[in-house]
């Protein structure tokens, strides 16, 4: 999933659950400014921040690391 899709998915889930940005910030412990920057595509949240938001929204975060051949 690309970062823009991740932003869209989290924002849509928040809206479906009728949780305001302020509500998600309060429930997750993520700063409102951080959340607004994330949803506008300007922020760069840590995995911990993403996990906190996902927990409140009933979502799971999976990290996929791709094993590739290094360039020579």
Protein backbone atom coordinates (compact mmCIF):
# COMPACT_ATOMS: atom_id res chain seq x y z
CA UNK A 1 0.00 0.00 0.00
CA UNK A 2 1.34 3.39 -0.92
CA UNK A 3 1.45 6.13 1.69
CA UNK A 4 -1.34 8.12 -0.01
CA UNK A 5 -3.59 5.04 0.15
CA UNK A 6 -2.76 4.61 3.84
CA UNK A 7 -3.76 8.21 4.53
CA UNK A 8 -7.01 7.76 2.61
CA UNK A 9 -7.85 4.48 4.37
CA UNK A 10 -7.31 5.86 7.87
CA UNK A 11 -9.21 9.07 7.12
CA UNK A 12 -12.14 7.15 5.60
CA UNK A 13 -12.28 4.77 8.58
CA UNK A 14 -12.29 7.72 10.97
CA UNK A 15 -15.15 9.33 9.06
CA UNK A 16 -17.18 6.09 8.84
CA UNK A 17 -16.90 5.74 12.61
CA UNK A 18 -17.90 9.41 12.94
CA UNK A 19 -14.80 10.24 14.93
CA UNK A 20 -13.57 13.80 14.61
CA UNK A 21 -9.90 14.59 14.22
CA UNK A 22 -9.95 15.99 17.75
CA UNK A 23 -11.63 12.80 19.01
CA UNK A 24 -9.04 10.57 17.36
CA UNK A 25 -6.25 12.74 18.71
CA UNK A 26 -7.67 12.54 22.23
CA UNK A 27 -8.34 8.79 22.14
CA UNK A 28 -5.03 7.84 20.55
CA UNK A 29 -2.74 10.26 22.35
CA UNK A 30 -1.54 11.60 18.99
CA UNK A 31 -1.31 15.36 18.75
CA UNK A 32 -4.07 17.07 16.77
CA UNK A 33 -1.49 18.93 14.70
CA UNK A 34 0.27 15.64 13.88
CA UNK A 35 -3.03 14.06 12.86
CA UNK A 36 -4.00 17.01 10.66
CA UNK A 37 -0.61 17.00 8.96
CA UNK A 38 -0.89 13.26 8.35
CA UNK A 39 -4.36 13.51 6.83
CA UNK A 40 -3.27 16.39 4.59
CA UNK A 41 -0.32 14.35 3.33
CA UNK A 42 2.25 16.69 4.85
CA UNK A 43 3.22 14.67 7.90
CA UNK A 44 5.51 11.71 8.28
CA UNK A 45 4.21 9.73 11.28
CA UNK A 46 6.21 7.05 13.02
CA UNK A 47 5.02 3.46 13.05
CA UNK A 48 4.06 3.93 16.69
CA UNK A 49 1.87 6.92 15.78
CA UNK A 50 0.19 4.93 13.00
CA UNK A 51 -0.37 2.05 15.42
CA UNK A 52 -1.98 4.33 18.00
CA UNK A 53 -4.43 5.70 15.42
CA UNK A 54 -5.15 2.26 14.01
CA UNK A 55 -5.85 0.82 17.47
CA UNK A 56 -8.53 3.44 18.12
CA UNK A 57 -10.07 2.84 14.69
CA UNK A 58 -10.11 -0.96 15.07
CA UNK A 59 -7.48 -1.46 12.39
CA UNK A 60 -4.19 -3.36 12.28
CA UNK A 61 -0.87 -2.18 10.93
CA UNK A 62 1.35 -4.68 9.14
CA UNK A 63 4.90 -3.95 8.06
CA UNK A 64 6.10 -5.78 5.00
CA UNK A 65 9.81 -5.75 4.32
CA UNK A 66 10.76 -6.83 0.85
CA UNK A 67 13.97 -8.78 0.37
CA UNK A 68 15.67 -7.68 -2.81
CA UNK A 69 19.02 -8.10 -4.45
CA UNK A 70 21.37 -5.19 -3.75
CA UNK A 71 22.67 -3.22 -6.70
CA UNK A 72 26.28 -3.93 -7.64
